[in-house]
Amino acid sequence: MCLGIPGKIIEINDATNKLATVDVSGVKRQVNIACIVDEQHPPESCIGDWVLVHVGFAMNRINEKDAKETLQLLQEMAELMVDY
């Protein structure tokens, strides 16, 4: 089983190599966006997109509502683990 973490693309660092900065709950990481770009949705148009990030790759786009719900659930799970 794989875990994709929601993040928001905030900057395109290298359009040629399809690298972008994604903000995941305040943590900024560079990820590869090759899986989510094509001729109709080039790298430059990805800023502001919510994506699922897995091992340094944006695997697919998701809507903001689902992203925020998932982040909230992950936060609640983390809080439960602290008490465990």
PDB file of N, CA and C in Angstrom:
ATOM      1  N   MET A   1       0.839  -1.171   0.000  1.00  0.00           N
ATOM      2  CA  MET A   1       0.000   0.000   0.000  1.00  0.00           C
ATOM      3  C   MET A   1       0.887   1.238   0.000  1.00  0.00           C
ATOM      4  N   CYS A   2       0.478   2.234  -0.749  1.00  0.00           N
ATOM      5  CA  CYS A   2       1.220   3.488  -0.861  1.00  0.00           C
ATOM      6  C   CYS A   2       0.439   4.606  -0.203  1.00  0.00           C
ATOM      7  N   LEU A   3       1.163   5.593   0.252  1.00  0.00           N
ATOM      8  CA  LEU A   3       0.529   6.751   0.865  1.00  0.00           C
ATOM      9  C   LEU A   3       0.895   7.988   0.071  1.00  0.00           C
ATOM     10  N   GLY A   4      -0.116   8.664  -0.446  1.00  0.00           N
ATOM     11  CA  GLY A   4       0.088   9.927  -1.139  1.00  0.00           C
ATOM     12  C   GLY A   4      -0.325  11.052  -0.213  1.00  0.00           C
ATOM     13  N   ILE A   5       0.524  12.026  -0.058  1.00  0.00           N
ATOM     14  CA  ILE A   5       0.263  13.151   0.829  1.00  0.00           C
ATOM     15  C   ILE A   5      -0.163  14.354  -0.021  1.00  0.00           C
ATOM     16  N   PRO A   6      -1.282  14.997   0.323  1.00  0.00           N
ATOM     17  CA  PRO A   6      -1.710  16.169  -0.452  1.00  0.00           C
ATOM     18  C   PRO A   6      -0.783  17.364  -0.247  1.00  0.00           C
ATOM     19  N   GLY A   7      -0.524  18.063  -1.332  1.00  0.00           N
ATOM     20  CA  GLY A   7       0.267  19.275  -1.286  1.00  0.00           C
ATOM     21  C   GLY A   7      -0.166  20.208  -2.398  1.00  0.00           C
ATOM     22  N   LYS A   8       0.196  21.468  -2.248  1.00  0.00           N
ATOM     23  CA  LYS A   8      -0.174  22.483  -3.230  1.00  0.00           C
ATOM     24  C   LYS A   8       1.073  22.973  -3.961  1.00  0.00           C
ATOM     25  N   ILE A   9       1.025  22.966  -5.285  1.00  0.00           N
ATOM     26  CA  ILE A   9       2.152  23.451  -6.080  1.00  0.00           C
ATOM     27  C   ILE A   9       2.207  24.976  -5.956  1.00  0.00           C
ATOM     28  N   ILE A  10       3.351  25.471  -5.491  1.00  0.00           N
ATOM     29  CA  ILE A  10       3.485  26.913  -5.278  1.00  0.00           C
ATOM     30  C   ILE A  10       4.486  27.567  -6.217  1.00  0.00           C
ATOM     31  N   GLU A  11       5.309  26.758  -6.875  1.00  0.00           N
ATOM     32  CA  GLU A  11       6.319  27.336  -7.762  1.00  0.00           C
ATOM     33  C   GLU A  11       6.807  26.276  -8.748  1.00  0.00           C
ATOM     34  N   ILE A  12       7.069  26.698  -9.971  1.00  0.00           N
ATOM     35  CA  ILE A  12       7.711  25.822 -10.953  1.00  0.00           C
ATOM     36  C   ILE A  12       9.190  26.187 -10.941  1.00  0.00           C
ATOM     37  N   ASN A  13      10.027  25.231 -10.557  1.00  0.00           N
ATOM     38  CA  ASN A  13      11.459  25.486 -10.450  1.00  0.00           C
ATOM     39  C   ASN A  13      12.196  25.256 -11.765  1.00  0.00           C
ATOM     40  N   ASP A  14      11.744  24.258 -12.518  1.00  0.00           N
ATOM     41  CA  ASP A  14      12.415  23.894 -13.761  1.00  0.00           C
ATOM     42  C   ASP A  14      11.378  23.241 -14.672  1.00  0.00           C
ATOM     43  N   ALA A  15      10.809  24.028 -15.582  1.00  0.00           N
ATOM     44  CA  ALA A  15       9.752  23.517 -16.465  1.00  0.00           C
ATOM     45  C   ALA A  15      10.284  22.434 -17.406  1.00  0.00           C
ATOM     46  N   THR A  16      11.515  22.568 -17.852  1.00  0.00           N
ATOM     47  CA  THR A  16      12.095  21.587 -18.768  1.00  0.00           C
ATOM     48  C   THR A  16      12.191  20.206 -18.119  1.00  0.00           C
ATOM     49  N   ASN A  17      12.660  20.176 -16.873  1.00  0.00           N
ATOM     50  CA  ASN A  17      12.806  18.909 -16.149  1.00  0.00           C
ATOM     51  C   ASN A  17      11.587  18.574 -15.297  1.00  0.00           C
ATOM     52  N   LYS A  18      10.554  19.422 -15.394  1.00  0.00           N
ATOM     53  CA  LYS A  18       9.277  19.220 -14.708  1.00  0.00           C
ATOM     54  C   LYS A  18       9.446  19.099 -13.185  1.00  0.00           C
ATOM     55  N   LEU A  19      10.105  20.092 -12.615  1.00  0.00           N
ATOM     56  CA  LEU A  19      10.317  20.158 -11.172  1.00  0.00           C
ATOM     57  C   LEU A  19       9.568  21.354 -10.596  1.00  0.00           C
ATOM     58  N   ALA A  20       8.893  21.121  -9.477  1.00  0.00           N
ATOM     59  CA  ALA A  20       8.104  22.168  -8.842  1.00  0.00           C
ATOM     60  C   ALA A  20       8.276  22.096  -7.333  1.00  0.00           C
ATOM     61  N   THR A  21       7.984  23.212  -6.666  1.00  0.00           N
ATOM     62  CA  THR A  21       7.949  23.229  -5.208  1.00  0.00           C
ATOM     63  C   THR A  21       6.503  23.023  -4.773  1.00  0.00           C
ATOM     64  N   VAL A  22       6.324  22.090  -3.857  1.00  0.00           N
ATOM     65  CA  VAL A  22       5.006  21.769  -3.319  1.00  0.00           C
ATOM     66  C   VAL A  22       5.023  22.058  -1.819  1.00  0.00           C
ATOM     67  N   ASP A  23       3.966  22.699  -1.353  1.00  0.00           N
ATOM     68  CA  ASP A  23       3.796  22.987   0.071  1.00  0.00           C
ATOM     69  C   ASP A  23       2.871  21.933   0.671  1.00  0.00           C
ATOM     70  N   VAL A  24       3.417  21.180   1.616  1.00  0.00           N
ATOM     71  CA  VAL A  24       2.638  20.164   2.337  1.00  0.00           C
ATOM     72  C   VAL A  24       2.581  20.586   3.796  1.00  0.00           C
ATOM     73  N   SER A  25       1.484  21.196   4.179  1.00  0.00           N
ATOM     74  CA  SER A  25       1.293  21.650   5.567  1.00  0.00           C
ATOM     75  C   SER A  25       2.447  22.515   6.054  1.00  0.00           C
ATOM     76  N   GLY A  26       2.905  23.413   5.207  1.00  0.00           N
ATOM     77  CA  GLY A  26       3.973  24.322   5.597  1.00  0.00           C
ATOM     78  C   GLY A  26       5.369  23.828   5.289  1.00  0.00           C
ATOM     79  N   VAL A  27       5.518  22.570   4.941  1.00  0.00           N
ATOM     80  CA  VAL A  27       6.818  22.019   4.563  1.00  0.00           C
ATOM     81  C   VAL A  27       6.919  22.070   3.049  1.00  0.00           C
ATOM     82  N   LYS A  28       7.970  22.719   2.564  1.00  0.00           N
ATOM     83  CA  LYS A  28       8.135  22.885   1.118  1.00  0.00           C
ATOM     84  C   LYS A  28       9.175  21.898   0.598  1.00  0.00           C
ATOM     85  N   ARG A  29       8.780  21.166  -0.444  1.00  0.00           N
ATOM     86  CA  ARG A  29       9.651  20.159  -1.043  1.00  0.00           C
ATOM     87  C   ARG A  29       9.627  20.284  -2.555  1.00  0.00           C
ATOM     88  N   GLN A  30      10.739  19.948  -3.171  1.00  0.00           N
ATOM     89  CA  GLN A  30      10.771  19.908  -4.623  1.00  0.00           C
ATOM     90  C   GLN A  30      10.283  18.528  -5.068  1.00  0.00           C
ATOM     91  N   VAL A  31       9.373  18.508  -6.020  1.00  0.00           N
ATOM     92  CA  VAL A  31       8.838  17.248  -6.532  1.00  0.00           C
ATOM     93  C   VAL A  31       8.840  17.266  -8.054  1.00  0.00           C
ATOM     94  N   ASN A  32       8.783  16.093  -8.618  1.00  0.00           N
ATOM     95  CA  ASN A  32       8.694  15.929 -10.054  1.00  0.00           C
ATOM     96  C   ASN A  32       7.224  15.916 -10.440  1.00  0.00           C
ATOM     97  N   ILE A  33       6.831  16.730 -11.417  1.00  0.00           N
ATOM     98  CA  ILE A  33       5.428  16.826 -11.820  1.00  0.00           C
ATOM     99  C   ILE A  33       5.172  16.187 -13.187  1.00  0.00           C
ATOM    100  N   ALA A  34       6.097  15.362 -13.663  1.00  0.00           N
ATOM    101  CA  ALA A  34       5.971  14.758 -14.993  1.00  0.00           C
ATOM    102  C   ALA A  34       4.682  13.956 -15.149  1.00  0.00           C
ATOM    103  N   CYS A  35       4.188  13.355 -14.090  1.00  0.00           N
ATOM    104  CA  CYS A  35       2.984  12.518 -14.171  1.00  0.00           C
ATOM    105  C   CYS A  35       1.697  13.324 -14.338  1.00  0.00           C
ATOM    106  N   ILE A  36       1.743  14.616 -14.078  1.00  0.00           N
ATOM    107  CA  ILE A  36       0.499  15.399 -14.127  1.00  0.00           C
ATOM    108  C   ILE A  36       0.478  16.461 -15.211  1.00  0.00           C
ATOM    109  N   VAL A  37       1.527  16.517 -16.038  1.00  0.00           N
ATOM    110  CA  VAL A  37       1.555  17.520 -17.095  1.00  0.00           C
ATOM    111  C   VAL A  37       1.371  16.863 -18.461  1.00  0.00           C
ATOM    112  N   ASP A  38       0.814  17.636 -19.374  1.00  0.00           N
ATOM    113  CA  ASP A  38       0.687  17.230 -20.765  1.00  0.00           C
ATOM    114  C   ASP A  38       0.511  18.496 -21.602  1.00  0.00           C
ATOM    115  N   GLU A  39       0.196  18.347 -22.870  1.00  0.00           N
ATOM    116  CA  GLU A  39       0.073  19.515 -23.737  1.00  0.00           C
ATOM    117  C   GLU A  39      -1.050  20.449 -23.300  1.00  0.00           C
ATOM    118  N   GLN A  40      -2.139  19.897 -22.760  1.00  0.00           N
ATOM    119  CA  GLN A  40      -3.257  20.724 -22.313  1.00  0.00           C
ATOM    120  C   GLN A  40      -3.013  21.342 -20.937  1.00  0.00           C
ATOM    121  N   HIS A  41      -2.106  20.790 -20.164  1.00  0.00           N
ATOM    122  CA  HIS A  41      -1.813  21.278 -18.809  1.00  0.00           C
ATOM    123  C   HIS A  41      -0.289  21.302 -18.620  1.00  0.00           C
ATOM    124  N   PRO A  42       0.396  22.293 -19.236  1.00  0.00           N
ATOM    125  CA  PRO A  42       1.858  22.365 -19.139  1.00  0.00           C
ATOM    126  C   PRO A  42       2.315  22.762 -17.728  1.00  0.00           C
ATOM    127  N   PRO A  43       3.604  22.583 -17.449  1.00  0.00           N
ATOM    128  CA  PRO A  43       4.109  22.891 -16.102  1.00  0.00           C
ATOM    129  C   PRO A  43       3.722  24.274 -15.584  1.00  0.00           C
ATOM    130  N   GLU A  44       3.777  25.280 -16.437  1.00  0.00           N
ATOM    131  CA  GLU A  44       3.503  26.648 -15.991  1.00  0.00           C
ATOM    132  C   GLU A  44       2.072  26.818 -15.472  1.00  0.00           C
ATOM    133  N   SER A  45       1.156  25.976 -15.920  1.00  0.00           N
ATOM    134  CA  SER A  45      -0.242  26.091 -15.500  1.00  0.00           C
ATOM    135  C   SER A  45      -0.544  25.321 -14.219  1.00  0.00           C
ATOM    136  N   CYS A  46       0.456  24.674 -13.635  1.00  0.00           N
ATOM    137  CA  CYS A  46       0.243  23.836 -12.455  1.00  0.00           C
ATOM    138  C   CYS A  46       0.259  24.601 -11.133  1.00  0.00           C
ATOM    139  N   ILE A  47       0.742  25.837 -11.148  1.00  0.00           N
ATOM    140  CA  ILE A  47       0.800  26.598  -9.899  1.00  0.00           C
ATOM    141  C   ILE A  47      -0.612  26.739  -9.339  1.00  0.00           C
ATOM    142  N   GLY A  48      -0.749  26.371  -8.068  1.00  0.00           N
ATOM    143  CA  GLY A  48      -2.046  26.415  -7.406  1.00  0.00           C
ATOM    144  C   GLY A  48      -2.765  25.082  -7.408  1.00  0.00           C
ATOM    145  N   ASP A  49      -2.286  24.119  -8.200  1.00  0.00           N
ATOM    146  CA  ASP A  49      -2.916  22.789  -8.220  1.00  0.00           C
ATOM    147  C   ASP A  49      -2.619  22.036  -6.930  1.00  0.00           C
ATOM    148  N   TRP A  50      -3.607  21.303  -6.460  1.00  0.00           N
ATOM    149  CA  TRP A  50      -3.419  20.369  -5.352  1.00  0.00           C
ATOM    150  C   TRP A  50      -3.102  19.017  -5.955  1.00  0.00           C
ATOM    151  N   VAL A  51      -2.084  18.348  -5.402  1.00  0.00           N
ATOM    152  CA  VAL A  51      -1.634  17.067  -5.932  1.00  0.00           C
ATOM    153  C   VAL A  51      -1.382  16.077  -4.797  1.00  0.00           C
ATOM    154  N   LEU A  52      -1.377  14.797  -5.142  1.00  0.00           N
ATOM    155  CA  LEU A  52      -0.958  13.770  -4.202  1.00  0.00           C
ATOM    156  C   LEU A  52       0.512  13.475  -4.476  1.00  0.00           C
ATOM    157  N   VAL A  53       1.346  13.601  -3.447  1.00  0.00           N
ATOM    158  CA  VAL A  53       2.785  13.410  -3.586  1.00  0.00           C
ATOM    159  C   VAL A  53       3.172  12.067  -2.965  1.00  0.00           C
ATOM    160  N   HIS A  54       3.923  11.291  -3.747  1.00  0.00           N
ATOM    161  CA  HIS A  54       4.430  10.003  -3.261  1.00  0.00           C
ATOM    162  C   HIS A  54       5.870   9.873  -3.735  1.00  0.00           C
ATOM    163  N   VAL A  55       6.779   9.642  -2.829  1.00  0.00           N
ATOM    164  CA  VAL A  55       8.224   9.491  -3.061  1.00  0.00           C
ATOM    165  C   VAL A  55       8.787  10.507  -4.050  1.00  0.00           C
ATOM    166  N   GLY A  56       8.426  11.763  -3.875  1.00  0.00           N
ATOM    167  CA  GLY A  56       9.003  12.827  -4.672  1.00  0.00           C
ATOM    168  C   GLY A  56       8.328  13.100  -6.001  1.00  0.00           C
ATOM    169  N   PHE A  57       7.202  12.442  -6.244  1.00  0.00           N
ATOM    170  CA  PHE A  57       6.465  12.644  -7.488  1.00  0.00           C
ATOM    171  C   PHE A  57       5.035  13.074  -7.190  1.00  0.00           C
ATOM    172  N   ALA A  58       4.557  14.052  -7.953  1.00  0.00           N
ATOM    173  CA  ALA A  58       3.143  14.400  -7.907  1.00  0.00           C
ATOM    174  C   ALA A  58       2.444  13.365  -8.787  1.00  0.00           C
ATOM    175  N   MET A  59       1.659  12.483  -8.161  1.00  0.00           N
ATOM    176  CA  MET A  59       1.073  11.358  -8.888  1.00  0.00           C
ATOM    177  C   MET A  59      -0.204  11.728  -9.643  1.00  0.00           C
ATOM    178  N   ASN A  60      -1.014  12.598  -9.052  1.00  0.00           N
ATOM    179  CA  ASN A  60      -2.228  13.063  -9.723  1.00  0.00           C
ATOM    180  C   ASN A  60      -2.766  14.300  -9.022  1.00  0.00           C
ATOM    181  N   ARG A  61      -3.628  15.021  -9.735  1.00  0.00           N
ATOM    182  CA  ARG A  61      -4.275  16.207  -9.175  1.00  0.00           C
ATOM    183  C   ARG A  61      -5.485  15.793  -8.362  1.00  0.00           C
ATOM    184  N   ILE A  62      -5.778  16.558  -7.299  1.00  0.00           N
ATOM    185  CA  ILE A  62      -6.990  16.347  -6.511  1.00  0.00           C
ATOM    186  C   ILE A  62      -7.613  17.713  -6.243  1.00  0.00           C
ATOM    187  N   ASN A  63      -8.867  17.706  -5.821  1.00  0.00           N
ATOM    188  CA  ASN A  63      -9.492  19.001  -5.539  1.00  0.00           C
ATOM    189  C   ASN A  63      -9.110  19.462  -4.131  1.00  0.00           C
ATOM    190  N   GLU A  64      -9.247  20.753  -3.909  1.00  0.00           N
ATOM    191  CA  GLU A  64      -8.824  21.367  -2.649  1.00  0.00           C
ATOM    192  C   GLU A  64      -9.582  20.801  -1.449  1.00  0.00           C
ATOM    193  N   LYS A  65     -10.874  20.558  -1.602  1.00  0.00           N
ATOM    194  CA  LYS A  65     -11.676  20.031  -0.499  1.00  0.00           C
ATOM    195  C   LYS A  65     -11.136  18.673  -0.040  1.00  0.00           C
ATOM    196  N   ASP A  66     -10.896  17.767  -0.978  1.00  0.00           N
ATOM    197  CA  ASP A  66     -10.369  16.448  -0.635  1.00  0.00           C
ATOM    198  C   ASP A  66      -8.970  16.548  -0.016  1.00  0.00           C
ATOM    199  N   ALA A  67      -8.160  17.457  -0.555  1.00  0.00           N
ATOM    200  CA  ALA A  67      -6.812  17.640  -0.020  1.00  0.00           C
ATOM    201  C   ALA A  67      -6.853  18.079   1.435  1.00  0.00           C
ATOM    202  N   LYS A  68      -7.690  19.068   1.728  1.00  0.00           N
ATOM    203  CA  LYS A  68      -7.762  19.582   3.098  1.00  0.00           C
ATOM    204  C   LYS A  68      -8.355  18.552   4.063  1.00  0.00           C
ATOM    205  N   GLU A  69      -9.346  17.797   3.607  1.00  0.00           N
ATOM    206  CA  GLU A  69      -9.916  16.740   4.457  1.00  0.00           C
ATOM    207  C   GLU A  69      -8.865  15.681   4.775  1.00  0.00           C
ATOM    208  N   THR A  70      -8.084  15.304   3.774  1.00  0.00           N
ATOM    209  CA  THR A  70      -7.041  14.293   3.975  1.00  0.00           C
ATOM    210  C   THR A  70      -5.967  14.807   4.925  1.00  0.00           C
ATOM    211  N   LEU A  71      -5.553  16.054   4.754  1.00  0.00           N
ATOM    212  CA  LEU A  71      -4.548  16.619   5.653  1.00  0.00           C
ATOM    213  C   LEU A  71      -5.067  16.666   7.094  1.00  0.00           C
ATOM    214  N   GLN A  72      -6.346  17.000   7.263  1.00  0.00           N
ATOM    215  CA  GLN A  72      -6.936  17.035   8.601  1.00  0.00           C
ATOM    216  C   GLN A  72      -6.936  15.635   9.231  1.00  0.00           C
ATOM    217  N   LEU A  73      -7.304  14.633   8.448  1.00  0.00           N
ATOM    218  CA  LEU A  73      -7.297  13.256   8.960  1.00  0.00           C
ATOM    219  C   LEU A  73      -5.886  12.810   9.332  1.00  0.00           C
ATOM    220  N   LEU A  74      -4.908  13.151   8.514  1.00  0.00           N
ATOM    221  CA  LEU A  74      -3.527  12.791   8.831  1.00  0.00           C
ATOM    222  C   LEU A  74      -3.061  13.481  10.108  1.00  0.00           C
ATOM    223  N   GLN A  75      -3.476  14.736  10.309  1.00  0.00           N
ATOM    224  CA  GLN A  75      -3.130  15.459  11.531  1.00  0.00           C
ATOM    225  C   GLN A  75      -3.758  14.789  12.752  1.00  0.00           C
ATOM    226  N   GLU A  76      -5.020  14.398  12.628  1.00  0.00           N
ATOM    227  CA  GLU A  76      -5.705  13.720  13.734  1.00  0.00           C
ATOM    228  C   GLU A  76      -5.025  12.380  14.055  1.00  0.00           C
ATOM    229  N   MET A  77      -4.615  11.651  13.034  1.00  0.00           N
ATOM    230  CA  MET A  77      -3.900  10.384  13.261  1.00  0.00           C
ATOM    231  C   MET A  77      -2.581  10.611  13.989  1.00  0.00           C
ATOM    232  N   ALA A  78      -1.870  11.664  13.595  1.00  0.00           N
ATOM    233  CA  ALA A  78      -0.596  11.986  14.243  1.00  0.00           C
ATOM    234  C   ALA A  78      -0.813  12.334  15.710  1.00  0.00           C
ATOM    235  N   GLU A  79      -1.859  13.070  15.998  1.00  0.00           N
ATOM    236  CA  GLU A  79      -2.152  13.434  17.394  1.00  0.00           C
ATOM    237  C   GLU A  79      -2.501  12.204  18.221  1.00  0.00           C
ATOM    238  N   LEU A  80      -3.225  11.263  17.634  1.00  0.00           N
ATOM    239  CA  LEU A  80      -3.549  10.026  18.344  1.00  0.00           C
ATOM    240  C   LEU A  80      -2.305   9.213  18.642  1.00  0.00           C
ATOM    241  N   MET A  81      -1.352   9.213  17.713  1.00  0.00           N
ATOM    242  CA  MET A  81      -0.122   8.451  17.904  1.00  0.00           C
ATOM    243  C   MET A  81       0.712   9.014  19.047  1.00  0.00           C
ATOM    244  N   VAL A  82       0.660  10.326  19.263  1.00  0.00           N
ATOM    245  CA  VAL A  82       1.406  10.950  20.353  1.00  0.00           C
ATOM    246  C   VAL A  82       0.865  10.456  21.689  1.00  0.00           C
ATOM    247  N   ASP A  83      -0.438  10.281  21.776  1.00  0.00           N
ATOM    248  CA  ASP A  83      -1.074   9.836  23.015  1.00  0.00           C
ATOM    249  C   ASP A  83      -0.959   8.327  23.214  1.00  0.00           C
ATOM    250  N   TYR A  84      -0.590   7.617  22.182  1.00  0.00           N
ATOM    251  CA  TYR A  84      -0.556   6.156  22.233  1.00  0.00           C
ATOM    252  C   TYR A  84       0.614   5.641  22.951  1.00  0.00           C
TER     253      TYR A  84
END
